[in-house]
Amino acid sequence: MIKSINIKDLPVKDLSIAGLIIFMISTIIANLYNPLWGFIYVFGNILTLVFLSWLYQDSWNTNQ
């Protein structure tokens, strides 16, 4: 079962910068190629970030 993550220890600045980079690159991809490729890029990045947050949640949870 997924444990709750201590939100106050998450690097909010890093997460917001990563979100901004993902948004900018997906906009560039959508404008250059096809809007569908931009959505696929965003969806793939969100899935990757969710998987990595699940994978490394032990290092974020300091209640252990």
PDB file of N, CA and C in Angstrom:
ATOM      1  N   MET A   1       0.836  -1.172   0.000  1.00  0.00           N
ATOM      2  CA  MET A   1       0.000   0.000   0.000  1.00  0.00           C
ATOM      3  C   MET A   1       0.888   1.244   0.000  1.00  0.00           C
ATOM      4  N   ILE A   2       0.447   2.280  -0.684  1.00  0.00           N
ATOM      5  CA  ILE A   2       1.222   3.514  -0.782  1.00  0.00           C
ATOM      6  C   ILE A   2       1.070   4.300   0.513  1.00  0.00           C
ATOM      7  N   LYS A   3       2.198   4.659   1.107  1.00  0.00           N
ATOM      8  CA  LYS A   3       2.187   5.442   2.337  1.00  0.00           C
ATOM      9  C   LYS A   3       2.059   6.912   1.989  1.00  0.00           C
ATOM     10  N   SER A   4       1.605   7.692   2.959  1.00  0.00           N
ATOM     11  CA  SER A   4       1.508   9.132   2.709  1.00  0.00           C
ATOM     12  C   SER A   4       2.905   9.744   2.713  1.00  0.00           C
ATOM     13  N   ILE A   5       3.077  10.749   1.912  1.00  0.00           N
ATOM     14  CA  ILE A   5       4.367  11.410   1.762  1.00  0.00           C
ATOM     15  C   ILE A   5       4.354  12.701   2.560  1.00  0.00           C
ATOM     16  N   ASN A   6       5.421  12.957   3.263  1.00  0.00           N
ATOM     17  CA  ASN A   6       5.550  14.194   4.011  1.00  0.00           C
ATOM     18  C   ASN A   6       5.793  15.332   3.019  1.00  0.00           C
ATOM     19  N   ILE A   7       4.765  16.127   2.758  1.00  0.00           N
ATOM     20  CA  ILE A   7       4.819  17.126   1.697  1.00  0.00           C
ATOM     21  C   ILE A   7       5.773  18.264   2.022  1.00  0.00           C
ATOM     22  N   LYS A   8       5.954  18.571   3.285  1.00  0.00           N
ATOM     23  CA  LYS A   8       6.781  19.725   3.623  1.00  0.00           C
ATOM     24  C   LYS A   8       8.256  19.512   3.286  1.00  0.00           C
ATOM     25  N   ASP A   9       8.691  18.277   3.085  1.00  0.00           N
ATOM     26  CA  ASP A   9      10.078  17.997   2.740  1.00  0.00           C
ATOM     27  C   ASP A   9      10.315  17.871   1.235  1.00  0.00           C
ATOM     28  N   LEU A  10       9.257  17.927   0.424  1.00  0.00           N
ATOM     29  CA  LEU A  10       9.430  17.816  -1.022  1.00  0.00           C
ATOM     30  C   LEU A  10      10.022  19.113  -1.574  1.00  0.00           C
ATOM     31  N   PRO A  11      10.900  19.003  -2.537  1.00  0.00           N
ATOM     32  CA  PRO A  11      11.498  20.210  -3.122  1.00  0.00           C
ATOM     33  C   PRO A  11      10.518  20.886  -4.085  1.00  0.00           C
ATOM     34  N   VAL A  12       9.724  21.810  -3.569  1.00  0.00           N
ATOM     35  CA  VAL A  12       8.677  22.454  -4.355  1.00  0.00           C
ATOM     36  C   VAL A  12       9.290  23.268  -5.496  1.00  0.00           C
ATOM     37  N   LYS A  13      10.414  23.903  -5.242  1.00  0.00           N
ATOM     38  CA  LYS A  13      11.063  24.689  -6.296  1.00  0.00           C
ATOM     39  C   LYS A  13      11.476  23.786  -7.455  1.00  0.00           C
ATOM     40  N   ASP A  14      12.053  22.647  -7.152  1.00  0.00           N
ATOM     41  CA  ASP A  14      12.470  21.709  -8.206  1.00  0.00           C
ATOM     42  C   ASP A  14      11.267  21.165  -8.975  1.00  0.00           C
ATOM     43  N   LEU A  15      10.193  20.852  -8.257  1.00  0.00           N
ATOM     44  CA  LEU A  15       9.006  20.324  -8.924  1.00  0.00           C
ATOM     45  C   LEU A  15       8.357  21.371  -9.823  1.00  0.00           C
ATOM     46  N   SER A  16       8.325  22.621  -9.376  1.00  0.00           N
ATOM     47  CA  SER A  16       7.725  23.662 -10.216  1.00  0.00           C
ATOM     48  C   SER A  16       8.586  23.953 -11.442  1.00  0.00           C
ATOM     49  N   ILE A  17       9.899  23.919 -11.303  1.00  0.00           N
ATOM     50  CA  ILE A  17      10.782  24.119 -12.460  1.00  0.00           C
ATOM     51  C   ILE A  17      10.631  22.967 -13.446  1.00  0.00           C
ATOM     52  N   ALA A  18      10.535  21.737 -12.929  1.00  0.00           N
ATOM     53  CA  ALA A  18      10.337  20.585 -13.808  1.00  0.00           C
ATOM     54  C   ALA A  18       9.001  20.682 -14.541  1.00  0.00           C
ATOM     55  N   GLY A  19       7.963  21.126 -13.849  1.00  0.00           N
ATOM     56  CA  GLY A  19       6.661  21.302 -14.500  1.00  0.00           C
ATOM     57  C   GLY A  19       6.701  22.358 -15.578  1.00  0.00           C
ATOM     58  N   LEU A  20       7.418  23.440 -15.329  1.00  0.00           N
ATOM     59  CA  LEU A  20       7.551  24.495 -16.329  1.00  0.00           C
ATOM     60  C   LEU A  20       8.319  24.007 -17.554  1.00  0.00           C
ATOM     61  N   ILE A  21       9.373  23.240 -17.332  1.00  0.00           N
ATOM     62  CA  ILE A  21      10.154  22.692 -18.451  1.00  0.00           C
ATOM     63  C   ILE A  21       9.304  21.729 -19.277  1.00  0.00           C
ATOM     64  N   ILE A  22       8.541  20.871 -18.605  1.00  0.00           N
ATOM     65  CA  ILE A  22       7.673  19.930 -19.319  1.00  0.00           C
ATOM     66  C   ILE A  22       6.639  20.681 -20.141  1.00  0.00           C
ATOM     67  N   PHE A  23       6.060  21.738 -19.576  1.00  0.00           N
ATOM     68  CA  PHE A  23       5.062  22.526 -20.308  1.00  0.00           C
ATOM     69  C   PHE A  23       5.680  23.195 -21.524  1.00  0.00           C
ATOM     70  N   MET A  24       6.857  23.789 -21.365  1.00  0.00           N
ATOM     71  CA  MET A  24       7.496  24.478 -22.490  1.00  0.00           C
ATOM     72  C   MET A  24       7.887  23.508 -23.600  1.00  0.00           C
ATOM     73  N   ILE A  25       8.469  22.377 -23.245  1.00  0.00           N
ATOM     74  CA  ILE A  25       8.896  21.417 -24.263  1.00  0.00           C
ATOM     75  C   ILE A  25       7.685  20.801 -24.968  1.00  0.00           C
ATOM     76  N   SER A  26       6.616  20.522 -24.219  1.00  0.00           N
ATOM     77  CA  SER A  26       5.425  19.956 -24.862  1.00  0.00           C
ATOM     78  C   SER A  26       4.791  20.966 -25.813  1.00  0.00           C
ATOM     79  N   THR A  27       4.836  22.259 -25.457  1.00  0.00           N
ATOM     80  CA  THR A  27       4.320  23.283 -26.368  1.00  0.00           C
ATOM     81  C   THR A  27       5.156  23.360 -27.639  1.00  0.00           C
ATOM     82  N   ILE A  28       6.464  23.281 -27.500  1.00  0.00           N
ATOM     83  CA  ILE A  28       7.350  23.299 -28.671  1.00  0.00           C
ATOM     84  C   ILE A  28       7.091  22.084 -29.558  1.00  0.00           C
ATOM     85  N   ILE A  29       6.981  20.907 -28.941  1.00  0.00           N
ATOM     86  CA  ILE A  29       6.724  19.681 -29.709  1.00  0.00           C
ATOM     87  C   ILE A  29       5.377  19.772 -30.422  1.00  0.00           C
ATOM     88  N   ALA A  30       4.356  20.287 -29.717  1.00  0.00           N
ATOM     89  CA  ALA A  30       3.028  20.399 -30.331  1.00  0.00           C
ATOM     90  C   ALA A  30       3.039  21.383 -31.493  1.00  0.00           C
ATOM     91  N   ASN A  31       3.812  22.461 -31.381  1.00  0.00           N
ATOM     92  CA  ASN A  31       3.851  23.439 -32.470  1.00  0.00           C
ATOM     93  C   ASN A  31       4.684  22.959 -33.650  1.00  0.00           C
ATOM     94  N   LEU A  32       5.737  22.219 -33.395  1.00  0.00           N
ATOM     95  CA  LEU A  32       6.598  21.759 -34.478  1.00  0.00           C
ATOM     96  C   LEU A  32       6.011  20.568 -35.235  1.00  0.00           C
ATOM     97  N   TYR A  33       5.467  19.611 -34.498  1.00  0.00           N
ATOM     98  CA  TYR A  33       5.037  18.373 -35.139  1.00  0.00           C
ATOM     99  C   TYR A  33       3.520  18.259 -35.194  1.00  0.00           C
ATOM    100  N   ASN A  34       2.939  17.878 -34.085  1.00  0.00           N
ATOM    101  CA  ASN A  34       1.521  17.591 -34.054  1.00  0.00           C
ATOM    102  C   ASN A  34       1.065  17.774 -32.600  1.00  0.00           C
ATOM    103  N   PRO A  35      -0.105  18.344 -32.371  1.00  0.00           N
ATOM    104  CA  PRO A  35      -0.568  18.483 -30.984  1.00  0.00           C
ATOM    105  C   PRO A  35      -0.683  17.150 -30.244  1.00  0.00           C
ATOM    106  N   LEU A  36      -0.958  16.094 -30.979  1.00  0.00           N
ATOM    107  CA  LEU A  36      -1.047  14.778 -30.345  1.00  0.00           C
ATOM    108  C   LEU A  36       0.288  14.381 -29.730  1.00  0.00           C
ATOM    109  N   TRP A  37       1.399  14.674 -30.402  1.00  0.00           N
ATOM    110  CA  TRP A  37       2.714  14.336 -29.864  1.00  0.00           C
ATOM    111  C   TRP A  37       3.013  15.139 -28.605  1.00  0.00           C
ATOM    112  N   GLY A  38       2.532  16.373 -28.535  1.00  0.00           N
ATOM    113  CA  GLY A  38       2.695  17.170 -27.320  1.00  0.00           C
ATOM    114  C   GLY A  38       1.957  16.557 -26.149  1.00  0.00           C
ATOM    115  N   PHE A  39       0.713  16.099 -26.389  1.00  0.00           N
ATOM    116  CA  PHE A  39      -0.056  15.448 -25.328  1.00  0.00           C
ATOM    117  C   PHE A  39       0.586  14.127 -24.905  1.00  0.00           C
ATOM    118  N   ILE A  40       1.094  13.379 -25.865  1.00  0.00           N
ATOM    119  CA  ILE A  40       1.764  12.114 -25.536  1.00  0.00           C
ATOM    120  C   ILE A  40       3.003  12.375 -24.691  1.00  0.00           C
ATOM    121  N   TYR A  41       3.755  13.426 -25.026  1.00  0.00           N
ATOM    122  CA  TYR A  41       4.951  13.780 -24.252  1.00  0.00           C
ATOM    123  C   TYR A  41       4.584  14.148 -22.818  1.00  0.00           C
ATOM    124  N   VAL A  42       3.546  14.970 -22.653  1.00  0.00           N
ATOM    125  CA  VAL A  42       3.118  15.367 -21.307  1.00  0.00           C
ATOM    126  C   VAL A  42       2.634  14.160 -20.524  1.00  0.00           C
ATOM    127  N   PHE A  43       1.809  13.326 -21.139  1.00  0.00           N
ATOM    128  CA  PHE A  43       1.270  12.148 -20.459  1.00  0.00           C
ATOM    129  C   PHE A  43       2.395  11.189 -20.056  1.00  0.00           C
ATOM    130  N   GLY A  44       3.364  10.990 -20.939  1.00  0.00           N
ATOM    131  CA  GLY A  44       4.502  10.124 -20.609  1.00  0.00           C
ATOM    132  C   GLY A  44       5.333  10.679 -19.465  1.00  0.00           C
ATOM    133  N   ASN A  45       5.535  11.990 -19.441  1.00  0.00           N
ATOM    134  CA  ASN A  45       6.294  12.587 -18.346  1.00  0.00           C
ATOM    135  C   ASN A  45       5.554  12.496 -17.026  1.00  0.00           C
ATOM    136  N   ILE A  46       4.244  12.710 -17.042  1.00  0.00           N
ATOM    137  CA  ILE A  46       3.465  12.599 -15.811  1.00  0.00           C
ATOM    138  C   ILE A  46       3.506  11.176 -15.286  1.00  0.00           C
ATOM    139  N   LEU A  47       3.358  10.193 -16.166  1.00  0.00           N
ATOM    140  CA  LEU A  47       3.442   8.795 -15.725  1.00  0.00           C
ATOM    141  C   LEU A  47       4.819   8.463 -15.159  1.00  0.00           C
ATOM    142  N   THR A  48       5.861   8.980 -15.796  1.00  0.00           N
ATOM    143  CA  THR A  48       7.212   8.741 -15.308  1.00  0.00           C
ATOM    144  C   THR A  48       7.426   9.365 -13.942  1.00  0.00           C
ATOM    145  N   LEU A  49       6.961  10.597 -13.743  1.00  0.00           N
ATOM    146  CA  LEU A  49       7.123  11.259 -12.448  1.00  0.00           C
ATOM    147  C   LEU A  49       6.316  10.559 -11.359  1.00  0.00           C
ATOM    148  N   VAL A  50       5.122  10.085 -11.695  1.00  0.00           N
ATOM    149  CA  VAL A  50       4.321   9.351 -10.704  1.00  0.00           C
ATOM    150  C   VAL A  50       5.011   8.050 -10.324  1.00  0.00           C
ATOM    151  N   PHE A  51       5.550   7.343 -11.322  1.00  0.00           N
ATOM    152  CA  PHE A  51       6.251   6.090 -11.034  1.00  0.00           C
ATOM    153  C   PHE A  51       7.484   6.332 -10.174  1.00  0.00           C
ATOM    154  N   LEU A  52       8.255   7.378 -10.509  1.00  0.00           N
ATOM    155  CA  LEU A  52       9.455   7.655  -9.729  1.00  0.00           C
ATOM    156  C   LEU A  52       9.110   8.124  -8.323  1.00  0.00           C
ATOM    157  N   SER A  53       8.015   8.876  -8.156  1.00  0.00           N
ATOM    158  CA  SER A  53       7.636   9.293  -6.808  1.00  0.00           C
ATOM    159  C   SER A  53       7.203   8.085  -5.985  1.00  0.00           C
ATOM    160  N   TRP A  54       6.541   7.116  -6.615  1.00  0.00           N
ATOM    161  CA  TRP A  54       6.171   5.897  -5.909  1.00  0.00           C
ATOM    162  C   TRP A  54       7.416   5.083  -5.566  1.00  0.00           C
ATOM    163  N   LEU A  55       8.369   5.050  -6.493  1.00  0.00           N
ATOM    164  CA  LEU A  55       9.570   4.254  -6.305  1.00  0.00           C
ATOM    165  C   LEU A  55      10.451   4.811  -5.187  1.00  0.00           C
ATOM    166  N   TYR A  56      10.555   6.134  -5.108  1.00  0.00           N
ATOM    167  CA  TYR A  56      11.451   6.757  -4.141  1.00  0.00           C
ATOM    168  C   TYR A  56      10.742   7.377  -2.951  1.00  0.00           C
ATOM    169  N   GLN A  57       9.513   6.969  -2.671  1.00  0.00           N
ATOM    170  CA  GLN A  57       8.780   7.566  -1.558  1.00  0.00           C
ATOM    171  C   GLN A  57       9.398   7.221  -0.212  1.00  0.00           C
ATOM    172  N   ASP A  58      10.153   6.151  -0.115  1.00  0.00           N
ATOM    173  CA  ASP A  58      10.810   5.813   1.140  1.00  0.00           C
ATOM    174  C   ASP A  58      11.837   6.856   1.544  1.00  0.00           C
ATOM    175  N   SER A  59      12.520   7.433   0.575  1.00  0.00           N
ATOM    176  CA  SER A  59      13.518   8.437   0.898  1.00  0.00           C
ATOM    177  C   SER A  59      12.868   9.776   1.250  1.00  0.00           C
ATOM    178  N   TRP A  60      11.615  10.000   0.816  1.00  0.00           N
ATOM    179  CA  TRP A  60      10.936  11.252   1.143  1.00  0.00           C
ATOM    180  C   TRP A  60      10.226  11.168   2.488  1.00  0.00           C
ATOM    181  N   ASN A  61       9.814   9.980   2.880  1.00  0.00           N
ATOM    182  CA  ASN A  61       9.071   9.829   4.121  1.00  0.00           C
ATOM    183  C   ASN A  61      10.055   9.778   5.285  1.00  0.00           C
ATOM    184  N   THR A  62      10.042  10.804   6.118  1.00  0.00           N
ATOM    185  CA  THR A  62      10.991  10.874   7.235  1.00  0.00           C
ATOM    186  C   THR A  62      10.393  10.389   8.546  1.00  0.00           C
ATOM    187  N   ASN A  63       9.177   9.839   8.509  1.00  0.00           N
ATOM    188  CA  ASN A  63       8.515   9.381   9.726  1.00  0.00           C
ATOM    189  C   ASN A  63       8.938   7.984  10.146  1.00  0.00           C
ATOM    190  N   GLN A  64       9.838   7.384   9.429  1.00  0.00           N
ATOM    191  CA  GLN A  64      10.226   5.997   9.726  1.00  0.00           C
ATOM    192  C   GLN A  64      11.235   5.951  10.840  1.00  0.00           C
TER     193      GLN A  64
END
